[in-house]
Amino acid sequence: STTLWWVMAGILSSPVTLPLMVVVVALLMVAAVVS
């Protein structure tokens, strides 16, 4: 669980474009809510 948060921090720190960042955050939130 701890290491999973590290991976998510790595994803969110990647310099990607804003639309892609919004999609990534939305997907993570959807995955968490569905689970």
PDB file of all heavy atoms in Angstrom:
ATOM      1  N   SER A   1       0.839  -1.207   0.000  1.00  0.00           N
ATOM      2  CA  SER A   1       0.000   0.000   0.000  1.00  0.00           C
ATOM      3  C   SER A   1       0.868   1.249   0.000  1.00  0.00           C
ATOM      4  O   SER A   1       0.608   2.202  -0.738  1.00  0.00           O
ATOM      5  CB  SER A   1      -0.899   0.017   1.235  1.00  0.00           C
ATOM      6  OG  SER A   1      -1.740  -1.093   1.230  1.00  0.00           O
ATOM      7  N   THR A   2       1.929   1.243   0.819  1.00  0.00           N
ATOM      8  CA  THR A   2       2.841   2.388   0.884  1.00  0.00           C
ATOM      9  C   THR A   2       3.542   2.590  -0.451  1.00  0.00           C
ATOM     10  O   THR A   2       3.624   3.704  -0.957  1.00  0.00           O
ATOM     11  CB  THR A   2       3.891   2.162   1.993  1.00  0.00           C
ATOM     12  OG1 THR A   2       3.208   1.916   3.217  1.00  0.00           O
ATOM     13  CG2 THR A   2       4.794   3.363   2.154  1.00  0.00           C
ATOM     14  N   THR A   3       4.036   1.494  -1.030  1.00  0.00           N
ATOM     15  CA  THR A   3       4.766   1.614  -2.291  1.00  0.00           C
ATOM     16  C   THR A   3       3.854   2.057  -3.427  1.00  0.00           C
ATOM     17  O   THR A   3       4.287   2.747  -4.347  1.00  0.00           O
ATOM     18  CB  THR A   3       5.473   0.285  -2.669  1.00  0.00           C
ATOM     19  OG1 THR A   3       4.521  -0.771  -2.673  1.00  0.00           O
ATOM     20  CG2 THR A   3       6.573  -0.051  -1.691  1.00  0.00           C
ATOM     21  N   LEU A   4       2.574   1.684  -3.348  1.00  0.00           N
ATOM     22  CA  LEU A   4       1.620   2.127  -4.368  1.00  0.00           C
ATOM     23  C   LEU A   4       1.486   3.645  -4.360  1.00  0.00           C
ATOM     24  O   LEU A   4       1.417   4.285  -5.406  1.00  0.00           O
ATOM     25  CB  LEU A   4       0.258   1.467  -4.126  1.00  0.00           C
ATOM     26  CG  LEU A   4      -0.785   1.633  -5.209  1.00  0.00           C
ATOM     27  CD1 LEU A   4      -0.276   1.087  -6.534  1.00  0.00           C
ATOM     28  CD2 LEU A   4      -2.062   0.936  -4.815  1.00  0.00           C
ATOM     29  N   TRP A   5       1.495   4.249  -3.161  1.00  0.00           N
ATOM     30  CA  TRP A   5       1.448   5.718  -3.067  1.00  0.00           C
ATOM     31  C   TRP A   5       2.703   6.339  -3.665  1.00  0.00           C
ATOM     32  O   TRP A   5       2.654   7.409  -4.257  1.00  0.00           O
ATOM     33  CB  TRP A   5       1.273   6.160  -1.609  1.00  0.00           C
ATOM     34  CG  TRP A   5      -0.113   5.917  -1.118  1.00  0.00           C
ATOM     35  CD1 TRP A   5      -0.500   5.029  -0.154  1.00  0.00           C
ATOM     36  CD2 TRP A   5      -1.323   6.551  -1.567  1.00  0.00           C
ATOM     37  NE1 TRP A   5      -1.856   5.060   0.002  1.00  0.00           N
ATOM     38  CE2 TRP A   5      -2.395   5.993  -0.835  1.00  0.00           C
ATOM     39  CE3 TRP A   5      -1.601   7.521  -2.524  1.00  0.00           C
ATOM     40  CZ2 TRP A   5      -3.712   6.379  -1.032  1.00  0.00           C
ATOM     41  CZ3 TRP A   5      -2.921   7.908  -2.717  1.00  0.00           C
ATOM     42  CH2 TRP A   5      -3.952   7.345  -1.981  1.00  0.00           C
ATOM     43  N   TRP A   6       3.865   5.660  -3.531  1.00  0.00           N
ATOM     44  CA  TRP A   6       5.107   6.164  -4.132  1.00  0.00           C
ATOM     45  C   TRP A   6       4.969   6.204  -5.649  1.00  0.00           C
ATOM     46  O   TRP A   6       5.410   7.151  -6.297  1.00  0.00           O
ATOM     47  CB  TRP A   6       6.288   5.284  -3.755  1.00  0.00           C
ATOM     48  CG  TRP A   6       6.686   5.331  -2.324  1.00  0.00           C
ATOM     49  CD1 TRP A   6       6.176   6.123  -1.334  1.00  0.00           C
ATOM     50  CD2 TRP A   6       7.689   4.533  -1.698  1.00  0.00           C
ATOM     51  NE1 TRP A   6       6.783   5.866  -0.147  1.00  0.00           N
ATOM     52  CE2 TRP A   6       7.719   4.890  -0.330  1.00  0.00           C
ATOM     53  CE3 TRP A   6       8.546   3.546  -2.141  1.00  0.00           C
ATOM     54  CZ2 TRP A   6       8.594   4.306   0.577  1.00  0.00           C
ATOM     55  CZ3 TRP A   6       9.414   2.962  -1.233  1.00  0.00           C
ATOM     56  CH2 TRP A   6       9.437   3.348   0.106  1.00  0.00           C
ATOM     57  N   VAL A   7       4.380   5.131  -6.216  1.00  0.00           N
ATOM     58  CA  VAL A   7       4.202   5.075  -7.668  1.00  0.00           C
ATOM     59  C   VAL A   7       3.283   6.206  -8.111  1.00  0.00           C
ATOM     60  O   VAL A   7       3.550   6.894  -9.104  1.00  0.00           O
ATOM     61  CB  VAL A   7       3.622   3.709  -8.109  1.00  0.00           C
ATOM     62  CG1 VAL A   7       3.334   3.708  -9.607  1.00  0.00           C
ATOM     63  CG2 VAL A   7       4.585   2.581  -7.776  1.00  0.00           C
ATOM     64  N   MET A   8       2.192   6.421  -7.373  1.00  0.00           N
ATOM     65  CA  MET A   8       1.260   7.483  -7.740  1.00  0.00           C
ATOM     66  C   MET A   8       1.932   8.852  -7.638  1.00  0.00           C
ATOM     67  O   MET A   8       1.693   9.730  -8.471  1.00  0.00           O
ATOM     68  CB  MET A   8       0.001   7.409  -6.872  1.00  0.00           C
ATOM     69  CG  MET A   8      -0.789   6.188  -7.247  1.00  0.00           C
ATOM     70  SD  MET A   8      -2.406   5.869  -6.511  1.00  0.00           S
ATOM     71  CE  MET A   8      -2.684   6.974  -5.262  1.00  0.00           C
ATOM     72  N   ALA A   9       2.789   9.033  -6.649  1.00  0.00           N
ATOM     73  CA  ALA A   9       3.535  10.296  -6.534  1.00  0.00           C
ATOM     74  C   ALA A   9       4.450  10.478  -7.737  1.00  0.00           C
ATOM     75  O   ALA A   9       4.607  11.580  -8.261  1.00  0.00           O
ATOM     76  CB  ALA A   9       4.348  10.319  -5.245  1.00  0.00           C
ATOM     77  N   GLY A  10       5.044   9.379  -8.200  1.00  0.00           N
ATOM     78  CA  GLY A  10       5.891   9.443  -9.395  1.00  0.00           C
ATOM     79  C   GLY A  10       5.102   9.816 -10.638  1.00  0.00           C
ATOM     80  O   GLY A  10       5.557  10.597 -11.463  1.00  0.00           O
ATOM     81  N   ILE A  11       3.894   9.270 -10.755  1.00  0.00           N
ATOM     82  CA  ILE A  11       3.040   9.613 -11.897  1.00  0.00           C
ATOM     83  C   ILE A  11       2.688  11.096 -11.861  1.00  0.00           C
ATOM     84  O   ILE A  11       2.788  11.804 -12.853  1.00  0.00           O
ATOM     85  CB  ILE A  11       1.751   8.757 -11.896  1.00  0.00           C
ATOM     86  CG1 ILE A  11       2.077   7.306 -12.226  1.00  0.00           C
ATOM     87  CG2 ILE A  11       0.721   9.310 -12.889  1.00  0.00           C
ATOM     88  CD1 ILE A  11       0.923   6.353 -12.051  1.00  0.00           C
ATOM     89  N   LEU A  12       2.270  11.556 -10.686  1.00  0.00           N
ATOM     90  CA  LEU A  12       1.837  12.942 -10.569  1.00  0.00           C
ATOM     91  C   LEU A  12       2.988  13.933 -10.690  1.00  0.00           C
ATOM     92  O   LEU A  12       2.768  15.106 -10.970  1.00  0.00           O
ATOM     93  CB  LEU A  12       1.087  13.145  -9.239  1.00  0.00           C
ATOM     94  CG  LEU A  12      -0.227  12.355  -9.133  1.00  0.00           C
ATOM     95  CD1 LEU A  12      -0.818  12.495  -7.746  1.00  0.00           C
ATOM     96  CD2 LEU A  12      -1.222  12.789 -10.188  1.00  0.00           C
ATOM     97  N   SER A  13       4.230  13.462 -10.474  1.00  0.00           N
ATOM     98  CA  SER A  13       5.380  14.372 -10.613  1.00  0.00           C
ATOM     99  C   SER A  13       5.900  14.448 -12.043  1.00  0.00           C
ATOM    100  O   SER A  13       6.735  15.277 -12.356  1.00  0.00           O
ATOM    101  CB  SER A  13       6.518  13.924  -9.690  1.00  0.00           C
ATOM    102  OG  SER A  13       7.098  12.733 -10.179  1.00  0.00           O
ATOM    103  N   SER A  14       5.405  13.561 -12.900  1.00  0.00           N
ATOM    104  CA  SER A  14       5.871  13.569 -14.286  1.00  0.00           C
ATOM    105  C   SER A  14       5.375  14.812 -14.998  1.00  0.00           C
ATOM    106  O   SER A  14       4.203  15.159 -14.896  1.00  0.00           O
ATOM    107  CB  SER A  14       5.361  12.326 -15.028  1.00  0.00           C
ATOM    108  OG  SER A  14       5.895  11.172 -14.445  1.00  0.00           O
ATOM    109  N   PRO A  15       6.268  15.483 -15.729  1.00  0.00           N
ATOM    110  CA  PRO A  15       5.857  16.709 -16.430  1.00  0.00           C
ATOM    111  C   PRO A  15       5.066  16.389 -17.695  1.00  0.00           C
ATOM    112  O   PRO A  15       5.607  16.347 -18.781  1.00  0.00           O
ATOM    113  CB  PRO A  15       7.191  17.382 -16.757  1.00  0.00           C
ATOM    114  CG  PRO A  15       8.158  16.260 -16.844  1.00  0.00           C
ATOM    115  CD  PRO A  15       7.682  15.191 -15.898  1.00  0.00           C
ATOM    116  N   VAL A  16       3.791  16.101 -17.511  1.00  0.00           N
ATOM    117  CA  VAL A  16       2.923  15.822 -18.651  1.00  0.00           C
ATOM    118  C   VAL A  16       2.013  17.007 -18.872  1.00  0.00           C
ATOM    119  O   VAL A  16       1.898  17.883 -18.027  1.00  0.00           O
ATOM    120  CB  VAL A  16       2.101  14.534 -18.404  1.00  0.00           C
ATOM    121  CG1 VAL A  16       2.977  13.327 -18.392  1.00  0.00           C
ATOM    122  CG2 VAL A  16       1.295  14.632 -17.126  1.00  0.00           C
ATOM    123  N   THR A  17       1.348  16.993 -20.002  1.00  0.00           N
ATOM    124  CA  THR A  17       0.463  18.115 -20.291  1.00  0.00           C
ATOM    125  C   THR A  17      -0.713  18.117 -19.330  1.00  0.00           C
ATOM    126  O   THR A  17      -1.081  17.077 -18.781  1.00  0.00           O
ATOM    127  CB  THR A  17      -0.060  18.018 -21.742  1.00  0.00           C
ATOM    128  OG1 THR A  17      -0.767  16.790 -21.873  1.00  0.00           O
ATOM    129  CG2 THR A  17       1.062  18.101 -22.737  1.00  0.00           C
ATOM    130  N   LEU A  18      -1.319  19.267 -19.141  1.00  0.00           N
ATOM    131  CA  LEU A  18      -2.422  19.425 -18.187  1.00  0.00           C
ATOM    132  C   LEU A  18      -3.591  18.496 -18.481  1.00  0.00           C
ATOM    133  O   LEU A  18      -4.091  17.838 -17.559  1.00  0.00           O
ATOM    134  CB  LEU A  18      -2.868  20.892 -18.153  1.00  0.00           C
ATOM    135  CG  LEU A  18      -3.931  21.226 -17.116  1.00  0.00           C
ATOM    136  CD1 LEU A  18      -3.443  20.931 -15.708  1.00  0.00           C
ATOM    137  CD2 LEU A  18      -4.355  22.674 -17.231  1.00  0.00           C
ATOM    138  N   PRO A  19      -4.055  18.370 -19.731  1.00  0.00           N
ATOM    139  CA  PRO A  19      -5.185  17.463 -19.977  1.00  0.00           C
ATOM    140  C   PRO A  19      -4.875  16.020 -19.575  1.00  0.00           C
ATOM    141  O   PRO A  19      -5.722  15.341 -19.001  1.00  0.00           O
ATOM    142  CB  PRO A  19      -5.412  17.573 -21.487  1.00  0.00           C
ATOM    143  CG  PRO A  19      -4.842  18.888 -21.870  1.00  0.00           C
ATOM    144  CD  PRO A  19      -3.689  19.119 -20.940  1.00  0.00           C
ATOM    145  N   LEU A  20      -3.652  15.562 -19.877  1.00  0.00           N
ATOM    146  CA  LEU A  20      -3.284  14.198 -19.508  1.00  0.00           C
ATOM    147  C   LEU A  20      -3.237  14.046 -17.992  1.00  0.00           C
ATOM    148  O   LEU A  20      -3.671  13.033 -17.441  1.00  0.00           O
ATOM    149  CB  LEU A  20      -1.938  13.820 -20.136  1.00  0.00           C
ATOM    150  CG  LEU A  20      -1.468  12.381 -19.886  1.00  0.00           C
ATOM    151  CD1 LEU A  20      -2.508  11.377 -20.361  1.00  0.00           C
ATOM    152  CD2 LEU A  20      -0.148  12.138 -20.586  1.00  0.00           C
ATOM    153  N   MET A  21      -2.738  15.070 -17.307  1.00  0.00           N
ATOM    154  CA  MET A  21      -2.689  15.042 -15.847  1.00  0.00           C
ATOM    155  C   MET A  21      -4.099  14.929 -15.260  1.00  0.00           C
ATOM    156  O   MET A  21      -4.335  14.161 -14.329  1.00  0.00           O
ATOM    157  CB  MET A  21      -1.997  16.302 -15.308  1.00  0.00           C
ATOM    158  CG  MET A  21      -1.880  16.327 -13.803  1.00  0.00           C
ATOM    159  SD  MET A  21      -0.852  15.016 -13.164  1.00  0.00           S
ATOM    160  CE  MET A  21       0.745  15.715 -13.460  1.00  0.00           C
ATOM    161  N   VAL A  22      -5.036  15.686 -15.829  1.00  0.00           N
ATOM    162  CA  VAL A  22      -6.428  15.635 -15.356  1.00  0.00           C
ATOM    163  C   VAL A  22      -6.995  14.233 -15.560  1.00  0.00           C
ATOM    164  O   VAL A  22      -7.666  13.685 -14.679  1.00  0.00           O
ATOM    165  CB  VAL A  22      -7.290  16.693 -16.092  1.00  0.00           C
ATOM    166  CG1 VAL A  22      -8.763  16.500 -15.792  1.00  0.00           C
ATOM    167  CG2 VAL A  22      -6.851  18.097 -15.695  1.00  0.00           C
ATOM    168  N   VAL A  23      -6.708  13.631 -16.716  1.00  0.00           N
ATOM    169  CA  VAL A  23      -7.190  12.274 -16.998  1.00  0.00           C
ATOM    170  C   VAL A  23      -6.595  11.275 -16.010  1.00  0.00           C
ATOM    171  O   VAL A  23      -7.301  10.398 -15.489  1.00  0.00           O
ATOM    172  CB  VAL A  23      -6.851  11.873 -18.462  1.00  0.00           C
ATOM    173  CG1 VAL A  23      -7.117  10.396 -18.698  1.00  0.00           C
ATOM    174  CG2 VAL A  23      -7.648  12.709 -19.433  1.00  0.00           C
ATOM    175  N   VAL A  24      -5.290  11.394 -15.745  1.00  0.00           N
ATOM    176  CA  VAL A  24      -4.615  10.482 -14.811  1.00  0.00           C
ATOM    177  C   VAL A  24      -5.243  10.578 -13.421  1.00  0.00           C
ATOM    178  O   VAL A  24      -5.587   9.558 -12.806  1.00  0.00           O
ATOM    179  CB  VAL A  24      -3.096  10.792 -14.740  1.00  0.00           C
ATOM    180  CG1 VAL A  24      -2.446  10.067 -13.577  1.00  0.00           C
ATOM    181  CG2 VAL A  24      -2.425  10.413 -16.048  1.00  0.00           C
ATOM    182  N   VAL A  25      -5.423  11.798 -12.926  1.00  0.00           N
ATOM    183  CA  VAL A  25      -6.014  11.987 -11.593  1.00  0.00           C
ATOM    184  C   VAL A  25      -7.442  11.447 -11.571  1.00  0.00           C
ATOM    185  O   VAL A  25      -7.853  10.767 -10.620  1.00  0.00           O
ATOM    186  CB  VAL A  25      -5.981  13.483 -11.186  1.00  0.00           C
ATOM    187  CG1 VAL A  25      -6.777  13.717  -9.914  1.00  0.00           C
ATOM    188  CG2 VAL A  25      -4.537  13.940 -10.997  1.00  0.00           C
ATOM    189  N   ALA A  26      -8.208  11.713 -12.637  1.00  0.00           N
ATOM    190  CA  ALA A  26      -9.595  11.226 -12.707  1.00  0.00           C
ATOM    191  C   ALA A  26      -9.636   9.700 -12.690  1.00  0.00           C
ATOM    192  O   ALA A  26     -10.453   9.095 -11.983  1.00  0.00           O
ATOM    193  CB  ALA A  26     -10.284  11.763 -13.955  1.00  0.00           C
ATOM    194  N   LEU A  27      -8.726   9.063 -13.452  1.00  0.00           N
ATOM    195  CA  LEU A  27      -8.678   7.597 -13.483  1.00  0.00           C
ATOM    196  C   LEU A  27      -8.323   7.017 -12.113  1.00  0.00           C
ATOM    197  O   LEU A  27      -8.902   6.011 -11.685  1.00  0.00           O
ATOM    198  CB  LEU A  27      -7.662   7.119 -14.526  1.00  0.00           C
ATOM    199  CG  LEU A  27      -8.096   7.229 -15.983  1.00  0.00           C
ATOM    200  CD1 LEU A  27      -6.946   6.872 -16.908  1.00  0.00           C
ATOM    201  CD2 LEU A  27      -9.282   6.328 -16.267  1.00  0.00           C
ATOM    202  N   LEU A  28      -7.368   7.650 -11.441  1.00  0.00           N
ATOM    203  CA  LEU A  28      -6.993   7.182 -10.104  1.00  0.00           C
ATOM    204  C   LEU A  28      -8.158   7.302  -9.133  1.00  0.00           C
ATOM    205  O   LEU A  28      -8.408   6.398  -8.326  1.00  0.00           O
ATOM    206  CB  LEU A  28      -5.783   7.968  -9.591  1.00  0.00           C
ATOM    207  CG  LEU A  28      -4.456   7.744 -10.321  1.00  0.00           C
ATOM    208  CD1 LEU A  28      -3.381   8.673  -9.786  1.00  0.00           C
ATOM    209  CD2 LEU A  28      -4.020   6.301 -10.207  1.00  0.00           C
ATOM    210  N   MET A  29      -8.881   8.416  -9.225  1.00  0.00           N
ATOM    211  CA  MET A  29     -10.033   8.614  -8.343  1.00  0.00           C
ATOM    212  C   MET A  29     -11.147   7.615  -8.641  1.00  0.00           C
ATOM    213  O   MET A  29     -11.745   7.047  -7.731  1.00  0.00           O
ATOM    214  CB  MET A  29     -10.553  10.047  -8.470  1.00  0.00           C
ATOM    215  CG  MET A  29      -9.631  11.081  -7.841  1.00  0.00           C
ATOM    216  SD  MET A  29     -10.166  12.776  -8.108  1.00  0.00           S
ATOM    217  CE  MET A  29     -11.654  12.828  -7.142  1.00  0.00           C
ATOM    218  N   VAL A  30     -11.406   7.370  -9.933  1.00  0.00           N
ATOM    219  CA  VAL A  30     -12.433   6.398 -10.314  1.00  0.00           C
ATOM    220  C   VAL A  30     -12.054   5.001  -9.815  1.00  0.00           C
ATOM    221  O   VAL A  30     -12.896   4.276  -9.278  1.00  0.00           O
ATOM    222  CB  VAL A  30     -12.639   6.397 -11.849  1.00  0.00           C
ATOM    223  CG1 VAL A  30     -13.460   5.202 -12.294  1.00  0.00           C
ATOM    224  CG2 VAL A  30     -13.315   7.690 -12.287  1.00  0.00           C
ATOM    225  N   ALA A  31     -10.786   4.628  -9.997  1.00  0.00           N
ATOM    226  CA  ALA A  31     -10.327   3.315  -9.533  1.00  0.00           C
ATOM    227  C   ALA A  31     -10.518   3.171  -8.027  1.00  0.00           C
ATOM    228  O   ALA A  31     -10.972   2.136  -7.547  1.00  0.00           O
ATOM    229  CB  ALA A  31      -8.861   3.106  -9.904  1.00  0.00           C
ATOM    230  N   ALA A  32     -10.199   4.224  -7.285  1.00  0.00           N
ATOM    231  CA  ALA A  32     -10.355   4.184  -5.830  1.00  0.00           C
ATOM    232  C   ALA A  32     -11.824   4.067  -5.435  1.00  0.00           C
ATOM    233  O   ALA A  32     -12.185   3.256  -4.569  1.00  0.00           O
ATOM    234  CB  ALA A  32      -9.737   5.431  -5.204  1.00  0.00           C
ATOM    235  N   VAL A  33     -12.685   4.846  -6.082  1.00  0.00           N
ATOM    236  CA  VAL A  33     -14.122   4.817  -5.757  1.00  0.00           C
ATOM    237  C   VAL A  33     -14.739   3.471  -6.112  1.00  0.00           C
ATOM    238  O   VAL A  33     -15.497   2.893  -5.319  1.00  0.00           O
ATOM    239  CB  VAL A  33     -14.867   5.968  -6.483  1.00  0.00           C
ATOM    240  CG1 VAL A  33     -16.370   5.804  -6.381  1.00  0.00           C
ATOM    241  CG2 VAL A  33     -14.453   7.315  -5.905  1.00  0.00           C
ATOM    242  N   VAL A  34     -14.406   2.942  -7.295  1.00  0.00           N
ATOM    243  CA  VAL A  34     -14.949   1.642  -7.712  1.00  0.00           C
ATOM    244  C   VAL A  34     -14.497   0.546  -6.754  1.00  0.00           C
ATOM    245  O   VAL A  34     -15.298  -0.307  -6.335  1.00  0.00           O
ATOM    246  CB  VAL A  34     -14.526   1.317  -9.166  1.00  0.00           C
ATOM    247  CG1 VAL A  34     -14.820  -0.132  -9.523  1.00  0.00           C
ATOM    248  CG2 VAL A  34     -15.239   2.248 -10.137  1.00  0.00           C
ATOM    249  N   SER A  35     -13.223   0.569  -6.380  1.00  0.00           N
ATOM    250  CA  SER A  35     -12.697  -0.447  -5.458  1.00  0.00           C
ATOM    251  C   SER A  35     -13.388  -0.374  -4.112  1.00  0.00           C
ATOM    252  O   SER A  35     -13.801  -1.404  -3.552  1.00  0.00           O
ATOM    253  CB  SER A  35     -11.196  -0.264  -5.264  1.00  0.00           C
ATOM    254  OG  SER A  35     -10.552  -0.348  -6.483  1.00  0.00           O
TER     255      SER A  35
END
